[in-house]
Amino acid sequence: MKRVKRRYLAVQVERKLGPTEREFIDAVWAAVTRLYGEVGASQTGLVLIDFDLERQVAVIRVTLASLNMVRASLSTVTSIAGMGACVRVLSVSGTIKALFSSGK
């Protein structure tokens, strides 16, 4: 059986009042489902690894094959729980350790 390759995304959430973990991941799932449907969303392997409410930074794990799908979906997030929001990808890496050690 072939091993699934994964990628980690560091994501910045810009919103006046920081969203909760549940509100954030619900917005991400909704964006992916809107663009690619339920079958496409199920192929992403999307998992919220970490969410820092203070810095409003999240770490998301996805499959390598769906990386571009998830990045495109994140750019369509304009509101989280009814409040205007913006989501941008800070970095992408194959490991969590390398995600934040890129010298930024």
N, C-alpha and C. Protein backbone atom coordinates (compact mmCIF):
# COMPACT_ATOMS: atom_id res chain seq x y z
N MET A 1 0.84 -1.19 0.00
CA MET A 1 0.00 0.00 0.00
C MET A 1 0.88 1.24 0.00
N LYS A 2 0.52 2.19 -0.85
CA LYS A 2 1.31 3.40 -1.00
C LYS A 2 0.98 4.40 0.10
N ARG A 3 2.02 5.03 0.62
CA ARG A 3 1.86 6.02 1.68
C ARG A 3 1.37 7.34 1.09
N VAL A 4 0.45 7.98 1.80
CA VAL A 4 -0.11 9.27 1.37
C VAL A 4 0.85 10.38 1.77
N LYS A 5 1.27 11.18 0.81
CA LYS A 5 2.13 12.32 1.10
C LYS A 5 1.27 13.49 1.54
N ARG A 6 1.73 14.17 2.57
CA ARG A 6 0.96 15.27 3.13
C ARG A 6 1.78 16.55 3.13
N ARG A 7 1.08 17.67 3.18
CA ARG A 7 1.70 18.98 3.31
C ARG A 7 1.01 19.75 4.41
N TYR A 8 1.76 20.62 5.06
CA TYR A 8 1.25 21.46 6.14
C TYR A 8 1.24 22.90 5.67
N LEU A 9 0.16 23.60 5.96
CA LEU A 9 0.02 25.00 5.58
C LEU A 9 -0.08 25.85 6.84
N ALA A 10 0.72 26.90 6.91
CA ALA A 10 0.57 27.90 7.97
C ALA A 10 -0.31 28.99 7.38
N VAL A 11 -1.42 29.28 8.06
CA VAL A 11 -2.43 30.19 7.53
C VAL A 11 -2.68 31.32 8.51
N GLN A 12 -2.70 32.55 8.00
CA GLN A 12 -3.00 33.73 8.80
C GLN A 12 -4.46 34.09 8.60
N VAL A 13 -5.18 34.25 9.70
CA VAL A 13 -6.59 34.63 9.65
C VAL A 13 -6.69 36.09 10.06
N GLU A 14 -7.24 36.92 9.19
CA GLU A 14 -7.37 38.34 9.50
C GLU A 14 -8.85 38.65 9.71
N ARG A 15 -9.17 38.93 10.98
CA ARG A 15 -10.53 39.27 11.37
C ARG A 15 -10.44 40.06 12.66
N LYS A 16 -11.30 41.05 12.85
CA LYS A 16 -11.22 41.90 14.04
C LYS A 16 -11.32 41.09 15.32
N LEU A 17 -12.36 40.31 15.45
CA LEU A 17 -12.50 39.41 16.59
C LEU A 17 -12.10 38.02 16.13
N GLY A 18 -11.07 37.47 16.74
CA GLY A 18 -10.57 36.17 16.31
C GLY A 18 -11.62 35.08 16.36
N PRO A 19 -11.69 34.26 15.32
CA PRO A 19 -12.67 33.17 15.31
C PRO A 19 -12.22 32.03 16.23
N THR A 20 -13.17 31.21 16.60
CA THR A 20 -12.83 30.00 17.36
C THR A 20 -12.32 28.95 16.37
N GLU A 21 -11.74 27.90 16.90
CA GLU A 21 -11.26 26.81 16.04
C GLU A 21 -12.39 26.27 15.19
N ARG A 22 -13.53 26.02 15.82
CA ARG A 22 -14.68 25.43 15.12
C ARG A 22 -15.17 26.34 14.01
N GLU A 23 -15.27 27.65 14.28
CA GLU A 23 -15.73 28.60 13.25
C GLU A 23 -14.77 28.63 12.07
N PHE A 24 -13.47 28.60 12.37
CA PHE A 24 -12.46 28.64 11.31
C PHE A 24 -12.53 27.40 10.43
N ILE A 25 -12.50 26.23 11.04
CA ILE A 25 -12.46 25.00 10.23
C ILE A 25 -13.78 24.82 9.48
N ASP A 26 -14.89 25.24 10.06
CA ASP A 26 -16.17 25.18 9.34
C ASP A 26 -16.15 26.06 8.09
N ALA A 27 -15.55 27.24 8.20
CA ALA A 27 -15.44 28.14 7.05
C ALA A 27 -14.55 27.55 5.96
N VAL A 28 -13.46 26.89 6.37
CA VAL A 28 -12.56 26.26 5.39
C VAL A 28 -13.27 25.11 4.68
N TRP A 29 -13.92 24.25 5.46
CA TRP A 29 -14.66 23.13 4.85
C TRP A 29 -15.74 23.64 3.91
N ALA A 30 -16.44 24.69 4.30
CA ALA A 30 -17.49 25.25 3.45
C ALA A 30 -16.92 25.78 2.13
N ALA A 31 -15.76 26.41 2.19
CA ALA A 31 -15.12 26.94 0.98
C ALA A 31 -14.70 25.81 0.05
N VAL A 32 -14.10 24.76 0.60
CA VAL A 32 -13.67 23.62 -0.22
C VAL A 32 -14.89 22.94 -0.84
N THR A 33 -15.93 22.75 -0.06
CA THR A 33 -17.14 22.10 -0.56
C THR A 33 -17.82 22.94 -1.63
N ARG A 34 -17.82 24.25 -1.46
CA ARG A 34 -18.42 25.14 -2.45
C ARG A 34 -17.73 25.01 -3.81
N LEU A 35 -16.41 24.95 -3.80
CA LEU A 35 -15.66 24.91 -5.05
C LEU A 35 -15.61 23.51 -5.67
N TYR A 36 -15.45 22.47 -4.85
CA TYR A 36 -15.17 21.14 -5.39
C TYR A 36 -16.20 20.09 -5.03
N GLY A 37 -17.22 20.46 -4.29
CA GLY A 37 -18.26 19.51 -3.92
C GLY A 37 -17.80 18.60 -2.79
N GLU A 38 -18.69 17.72 -2.37
CA GLU A 38 -18.39 16.84 -1.25
C GLU A 38 -17.33 15.80 -1.60
N VAL A 39 -17.34 15.32 -2.83
CA VAL A 39 -16.35 14.32 -3.23
C VAL A 39 -14.95 14.95 -3.24
N GLY A 40 -14.83 16.15 -3.81
CA GLY A 40 -13.55 16.84 -3.82
C GLY A 40 -13.06 17.16 -2.42
N ALA A 41 -13.98 17.58 -1.55
CA ALA A 41 -13.62 17.91 -0.18
C ALA A 41 -13.14 16.67 0.57
N SER A 42 -13.75 15.53 0.29
CA SER A 42 -13.34 14.31 1.00
C SER A 42 -11.95 13.85 0.58
N GLN A 43 -11.49 14.24 -0.59
CA GLN A 43 -10.17 13.84 -1.08
C GLN A 43 -9.05 14.71 -0.54
N THR A 44 -9.38 15.80 0.14
CA THR A 44 -8.34 16.71 0.62
C THR A 44 -7.63 16.20 1.86
N GLY A 45 -8.31 15.39 2.66
CA GLY A 45 -7.70 14.93 3.91
C GLY A 45 -7.44 16.08 4.86
N LEU A 46 -8.27 17.10 4.81
CA LEU A 46 -8.09 18.33 5.57
C LEU A 46 -8.23 18.10 7.07
N VAL A 47 -7.21 18.52 7.82
CA VAL A 47 -7.22 18.39 9.28
C VAL A 47 -6.62 19.66 9.87
N LEU A 48 -7.28 20.21 10.88
CA LEU A 48 -6.74 21.35 11.62
C LEU A 48 -5.79 20.82 12.68
N ILE A 49 -4.52 21.13 12.57
CA ILE A 49 -3.50 20.64 13.50
C ILE A 49 -3.37 21.56 14.71
N ASP A 50 -3.32 22.87 14.46
CA ASP A 50 -3.12 23.82 15.55
C ASP A 50 -3.80 25.13 15.19
N PHE A 51 -4.30 25.83 16.20
CA PHE A 51 -4.91 27.14 16.00
C PHE A 51 -4.51 28.03 17.16
N ASP A 52 -3.74 29.08 16.86
CA ASP A 52 -3.29 30.04 17.87
C ASP A 52 -4.19 31.26 17.79
N LEU A 53 -5.11 31.36 18.74
CA LEU A 53 -6.09 32.45 18.73
C LEU A 53 -5.43 33.80 18.92
N GLU A 54 -4.39 33.86 19.72
CA GLU A 54 -3.71 35.13 20.01
C GLU A 54 -3.06 35.72 18.76
N ARG A 55 -2.32 34.89 18.04
CA ARG A 55 -1.65 35.34 16.81
C ARG A 55 -2.52 35.19 15.57
N GLN A 56 -3.65 34.50 15.69
CA GLN A 56 -4.56 34.18 14.60
C GLN A 56 -3.85 33.44 13.47
N VAL A 57 -3.10 32.42 13.86
CA VAL A 57 -2.39 31.57 12.90
C VAL A 57 -2.86 30.14 13.09
N ALA A 58 -3.13 29.46 11.99
CA ALA A 58 -3.57 28.08 12.04
C ALA A 58 -2.62 27.22 11.23
N VAL A 59 -2.50 25.95 11.61
CA VAL A 59 -1.74 24.96 10.85
C VAL A 59 -2.73 23.92 10.36
N ILE A 60 -2.74 23.70 9.05
CA ILE A 60 -3.66 22.77 8.42
C ILE A 60 -2.85 21.70 7.70
N ARG A 61 -3.30 20.43 7.80
CA ARG A 61 -2.67 19.34 7.06
C ARG A 61 -3.58 18.91 5.92
N VAL A 62 -3.01 18.75 4.72
CA VAL A 62 -3.76 18.29 3.55
C VAL A 62 -2.91 17.27 2.79
N THR A 63 -3.55 16.57 1.86
CA THR A 63 -2.78 15.66 1.02
C THR A 63 -2.06 16.47 -0.05
N LEU A 64 -0.93 15.97 -0.50
CA LEU A 64 -0.14 16.67 -1.52
C LEU A 64 -0.95 16.85 -2.81
N ALA A 65 -1.73 15.83 -3.18
CA ALA A 65 -2.51 15.91 -4.41
C ALA A 65 -3.56 17.01 -4.37
N SER A 66 -4.03 17.36 -3.19
CA SER A 66 -5.09 18.37 -3.07
C SER A 66 -4.58 19.73 -2.62
N LEU A 67 -3.29 19.91 -2.56
CA LEU A 67 -2.72 21.17 -2.05
C LEU A 67 -3.23 22.38 -2.81
N ASN A 68 -3.21 22.33 -4.13
CA ASN A 68 -3.66 23.48 -4.92
C ASN A 68 -5.16 23.72 -4.77
N MET A 69 -5.93 22.65 -4.60
CA MET A 69 -7.37 22.79 -4.38
C MET A 69 -7.64 23.55 -3.09
N VAL A 70 -6.93 23.18 -2.03
CA VAL A 70 -7.14 23.82 -0.73
C VAL A 70 -6.67 25.26 -0.76
N ARG A 71 -5.55 25.53 -1.40
CA ARG A 71 -5.07 26.91 -1.49
C ARG A 71 -6.06 27.79 -2.24
N ALA A 72 -6.63 27.27 -3.31
CA ALA A 72 -7.62 28.02 -4.06
C ALA A 72 -8.87 28.26 -3.21
N SER A 73 -9.27 27.25 -2.46
CA SER A 73 -10.45 27.38 -1.60
C SER A 73 -10.23 28.40 -0.50
N LEU A 74 -9.03 28.42 0.09
CA LEU A 74 -8.74 29.37 1.16
C LEU A 74 -8.84 30.82 0.66
N SER A 75 -8.51 31.03 -0.59
CA SER A 75 -8.58 32.40 -1.12
C SER A 75 -10.01 32.87 -1.30
N THR A 76 -10.98 31.95 -1.28
CA THR A 76 -12.38 32.35 -1.44
C THR A 76 -13.08 32.63 -0.11
N VAL A 77 -12.41 32.41 1.01
CA VAL A 77 -13.02 32.66 2.32
C VAL A 77 -13.09 34.18 2.53
N THR A 78 -14.32 34.70 2.62
CA THR A 78 -14.50 36.13 2.81
C THR A 78 -15.20 36.45 4.13
N SER A 79 -15.77 35.42 4.77
CA SER A 79 -16.38 35.64 6.07
C SER A 79 -16.29 34.36 6.90
N ILE A 80 -16.15 34.55 8.20
CA ILE A 80 -16.12 33.43 9.14
C ILE A 80 -17.17 33.74 10.20
N ALA A 81 -18.14 32.87 10.32
CA ALA A 81 -19.24 33.02 11.28
C ALA A 81 -19.96 34.36 11.11
N GLY A 82 -20.16 34.76 9.85
CA GLY A 82 -20.91 35.97 9.58
C GLY A 82 -20.15 37.27 9.66
N MET A 83 -18.87 37.22 10.03
CA MET A 83 -18.05 38.43 10.10
C MET A 83 -17.03 38.40 8.98
N GLY A 84 -16.75 39.55 8.38
CA GLY A 84 -15.78 39.63 7.31
C GLY A 84 -14.41 39.13 7.75
N ALA A 85 -13.76 38.38 6.88
CA ALA A 85 -12.45 37.81 7.22
C ALA A 85 -11.64 37.60 5.95
N CYS A 86 -10.35 37.47 6.14
CA CYS A 86 -9.42 37.18 5.05
C CYS A 86 -8.47 36.09 5.53
N VAL A 87 -8.19 35.13 4.67
CA VAL A 87 -7.29 34.03 5.02
C VAL A 87 -6.16 34.02 4.00
N ARG A 88 -4.92 34.04 4.48
CA ARG A 88 -3.78 33.96 3.56
C ARG A 88 -2.81 32.89 4.01
N VAL A 89 -2.20 32.25 3.04
CA VAL A 89 -1.24 31.19 3.31
C VAL A 89 0.12 31.83 3.54
N LEU A 90 0.70 31.54 4.72
CA LEU A 90 2.02 32.08 5.04
C LEU A 90 3.13 31.21 4.47
N SER A 91 3.00 29.89 4.65
CA SER A 91 4.01 28.98 4.13
C SER A 91 3.44 27.58 4.01
N VAL A 92 4.13 26.76 3.21
CA VAL A 92 3.77 25.37 2.98
C VAL A 92 5.02 24.54 3.17
N SER A 93 4.87 23.38 3.84
CA SER A 93 6.02 22.53 4.09
C SER A 93 5.59 21.08 4.22
N GLY A 94 6.56 20.20 4.11
CA GLY A 94 6.30 18.78 4.28
C GLY A 94 6.33 18.35 5.73
N THR A 95 6.88 19.20 6.62
CA THR A 95 6.92 18.89 8.05
C THR A 95 6.51 20.14 8.84
N ILE A 96 5.99 19.91 10.02
CA ILE A 96 5.60 21.04 10.87
C ILE A 96 6.83 21.82 11.32
N LYS A 97 7.90 21.11 11.61
CA LYS A 97 9.12 21.76 12.09
C LYS A 97 9.65 22.77 11.06
N ALA A 98 9.65 22.39 9.81
CA ALA A 98 10.17 23.27 8.75
C ALA A 98 9.18 24.37 8.38
N LEU A 99 7.95 24.25 8.81
CA LEU A 99 6.92 25.22 8.46
C LEU A 99 7.24 26.61 8.99
N PHE A 100 7.78 26.69 10.20
CA PHE A 100 8.06 27.98 10.82
C PHE A 100 9.55 28.31 10.87
N SER A 101 10.40 27.40 10.41
CA SER A 101 11.85 27.65 10.47
C SER A 101 12.41 28.09 9.13
N SER A 102 11.56 28.69 8.29
CA SER A 102 12.03 29.10 6.96
C SER A 102 12.72 30.45 6.99
N GLY A 103 13.01 30.98 8.17
CA GLY A 103 13.75 32.23 8.31
C GLY A 103 12.89 33.47 8.21
N LYS A 104 11.58 33.33 8.26
CA LYS A 104 10.70 34.49 8.16
C LYS A 104 10.44 35.07 9.53
